[in-house]
Structure formats: C-alpha cells, structure tokens
C-alpha cells in the first residue's frame, strides 16, 4: 500500500481547495461543483465522463458570455445616463431614450415594444 506523507496531503488538500475557490469565483454553484466535478485527480477517469463535463463547461461558458454581454449593455446604459445628466438637453434625452428602448428590446425580444411615449411616462 502506498502512503502519502503529510506534505503530500497538504499539497493535495490545498490544490483541491484552490480549485473549489476558482470554480466559486467562476460562478459555479456548490451543487455544480459537487455533482459535475466529482473527481479531483485525473486517474482512471472515463473518457465519456470527460466529454460530458467538457459539454457542461461549454454551456457554462456560453452562459457566462451571455451575462457579460448583458453587463456590457448595462454599463453602456449607465454611461449614457450619466452623460445625459451632465449635459441635459432634448437631444441627449432622446439618445438615452433610444438606448433604453434598445436594451428593453434585447431583454424582451418576443414581447410587445413600448412606444416612445411609454418610455417618457407621465411627467406632468
């Protein structure tokens, strides 16, 4: 029987904890970490299982890229809103309203569009 020294256990545990922290940072849930990544060493791993995990990671990456695209739009909206408030006039307000409508359309692609009047609301 092969024994592992204390240094080897610390190194393995440290590596394992580091991998978990990285996966948490990458927005994996604890269930995803426990369920999908049930192995921590690449010994005797079924190739079919590796392909399944690779597909899961591809899907997770696509989800992450979608979130990044959304956050980019939110950032553009915040930039436009701040710029509009710095130099508030009819033209800058119209540009901001168009950005808001574009963001709304991207969020609700198949839902009915709000008219321009609906974007301004009742400002009476």
Foldseek 3Di string as FASTA:
>chain_A
DDDDDPVRVVVLVVQVVVVVVVVVVLVDDPCCCVPLVVDDDPPPDDVVSVVVSVVVVVVSVVVVVVVVVLVVLVVVLVVLVVVCVVPPDPVSVVVSLVSVQVSVCVVVVPDDGDDSDRSVPDPD
